Amino acid sequence: MISTETFRQFALSLPEADEQPHFDKTSFRVKNKIFATLNKAENRGTLRFSLENQDVFTIISKGAIFPVPNKWGKYGWTNIDLTIAGWELCQDAIRSAWCCVAPHKLLVQHPELNFDAE
């Protein structure tokens, strides 16, 4: 199990990430674009993926990662159940979400975070 505080600290460790309220949740943003939200009450994160990465993470996660079950899921918004996700999977998922919304200039400055550049 991954604690919500561990999720929070890792999201904030990414370049230029900041934390802001988002309705009843906490959001993590880069250049004011949300790449993740955290629902502490449900021990769940929600991440912004490309549709391709959403498919990949859903397949490899063995049930820990799944599309949001409404229209937002069709736009790449994806849940991660922190009670069953492994730490390495969670880190990769948060990084991928950050890369999905980070501006190109920031991705170029941090190629070690950009899986798609490999």
Protein backbone atom coordinates (compact mmCIF):
# COMPACT_ATOMS: atom_id res chain seq x y z
CA MET A 1 0.00 0.00 0.00
CA ILE A 2 1.19 3.49 -0.85
CA SER A 3 0.29 6.27 1.55
CA THR A 4 -1.35 9.39 0.24
CA GLU A 5 1.54 11.38 1.76
CA THR A 6 4.07 9.35 -0.24
CA PHE A 7 2.04 9.97 -3.42
CA ARG A 8 1.93 13.68 -2.57
CA GLN A 9 5.66 13.97 -1.88
CA PHE A 10 6.60 12.18 -5.09
CA ALA A 11 4.24 14.31 -7.22
CA LEU A 12 5.72 17.47 -5.69
CA SER A 13 9.28 16.23 -6.32
CA LEU A 14 8.78 16.57 -10.08
CA PRO A 15 10.13 19.72 -11.74
CA GLU A 16 7.97 22.81 -11.26
CA ALA A 17 5.13 20.79 -9.70
CA ASP A 18 2.91 22.53 -7.22
CA GLU A 19 -0.11 21.65 -5.11
CA GLN A 20 -3.48 23.38 -5.21
CA PRO A 21 -6.99 22.55 -4.05
CA HIS A 22 -9.34 21.12 -6.67
CA PHE A 23 -12.91 20.88 -5.38
CA ASP A 24 -12.74 18.41 -2.47
CA LYS A 25 -9.39 16.97 -3.61
CA THR A 26 -5.78 18.03 -3.87
CA SER A 27 -4.38 18.65 -7.35
CA PHE A 28 -0.81 18.58 -8.57
CA ARG A 29 0.04 20.86 -11.44
CA VAL A 30 2.85 21.82 -13.74
CA LYS A 31 2.53 25.27 -15.34
CA ASN A 32 -1.02 25.38 -13.95
CA LYS A 33 -2.10 22.19 -15.77
CA ILE A 34 -3.32 19.33 -13.61
CA PHE A 35 -1.40 16.08 -13.99
CA ALA A 36 -2.75 14.34 -10.87
CA THR A 37 -5.32 14.64 -8.13
CA LEU A 38 -5.41 12.90 -4.78
CA ASN A 39 -8.52 11.68 -2.99
CA LYS A 40 -7.28 10.97 0.53
CA ALA A 41 -10.65 9.66 1.76
CA GLU A 42 -10.68 6.94 -0.90
CA ASN A 43 -6.90 6.34 -0.98
CA ARG A 44 -6.93 6.96 -4.71
CA GLY A 45 -5.04 9.11 -7.16
CA THR A 46 -6.28 10.23 -10.54
CA LEU A 47 -3.74 10.80 -13.31
CA ARG A 48 -3.80 12.42 -16.74
CA PHE A 49 -2.48 10.04 -19.39
CA SER A 50 -2.41 9.95 -23.13
CA LEU A 51 -4.92 7.33 -24.31
CA GLU A 52 -2.02 5.10 -25.35
CA ASN A 53 -0.40 5.28 -21.90
CA GLN A 54 -3.79 4.77 -20.27
CA ASP A 55 -4.11 1.46 -22.17
CA VAL A 56 -0.57 0.38 -21.29
CA PHE A 57 -0.83 1.18 -17.58
CA THR A 58 -4.27 -0.45 -17.37
CA ILE A 59 -2.89 -3.67 -18.85
CA ILE A 60 0.30 -3.89 -16.79
CA SER A 61 -1.17 -2.81 -13.45
CA LYS A 62 -3.24 -5.94 -12.71
CA GLY A 63 -6.25 -3.90 -11.59
CA ALA A 64 -4.47 -1.11 -9.72
CA ILE A 65 -4.89 1.39 -12.57
CA PHE A 66 -8.10 1.83 -14.55
CA PRO A 67 -9.82 4.55 -16.61
CA VAL A 68 -12.16 6.90 -14.75
CA PRO A 69 -15.57 5.30 -15.39
CA ASN A 70 -17.24 8.26 -17.09
CA LYS A 71 -16.55 10.63 -19.98
CA TRP A 72 -13.34 11.86 -18.29
CA GLY A 73 -11.86 8.38 -18.75
CA LYS A 74 -12.20 8.80 -22.51
CA TYR A 75 -9.91 11.84 -22.26
CA GLY A 76 -7.14 9.90 -20.51
CA TRP A 77 -8.10 10.50 -16.88
CA THR A 78 -7.17 7.36 -15.01
CA ASN A 79 -7.51 6.17 -11.40
CA ILE A 80 -4.79 4.48 -9.38
CA ASP A 81 -5.83 2.49 -6.32
CA LEU A 82 -3.09 3.21 -3.78
CA THR A 83 -4.12 0.24 -1.65
CA ILE A 84 -2.95 -2.24 -4.30
CA ALA A 85 -0.51 -0.37 -6.57
CA GLY A 86 3.19 -1.08 -6.16
CA TRP A 87 5.59 1.79 -5.51
CA GLU A 88 7.54 1.48 -8.76
CA LEU A 89 4.32 1.36 -10.79
CA CYS A 90 3.01 4.41 -8.93
CA GLN A 91 6.20 6.38 -9.60
CA ASP A 92 6.12 5.49 -13.30
CA ALA A 93 2.44 6.44 -13.53
CA ILE A 94 2.93 9.82 -11.83
CA ARG A 95 5.93 10.59 -14.06
CA SER A 96 3.94 9.66 -17.15
CA ALA A 97 1.08 11.95 -16.08
CA TRP A 98 3.54 14.80 -15.45
CA CYS A 99 5.00 14.27 -18.94
CA CYS A 100 1.52 14.32 -20.46
CA VAL A 101 0.92 17.93 -19.39
CA ALA A 102 4.41 19.42 -19.00
CA PRO A 103 5.39 21.92 -21.70
CA HIS A 104 7.83 20.75 -24.34
CA LYS A 105 10.57 23.05 -23.05
CA LEU A 106 10.39 21.43 -19.61
CA LEU A 107 10.41 17.91 -21.12
CA VAL A 108 13.57 18.77 -23.05
CA GLN A 109 15.21 19.98 -19.84
CA HIS A 110 14.34 16.68 -18.08
CA PRO A 111 14.70 13.85 -20.62
CA GLU A 112 15.23 11.36 -17.77
CA LEU A 113 11.54 11.74 -16.91
CA ASN A 114 10.16 11.43 -20.43
CA PHE A 115 9.53 7.74 -21.25
CA ASP A 116 8.21 8.63 -24.69
CA ALA A 117 11.53 10.22 -25.67
CA GLU A 118 13.37 6.90 -25.30
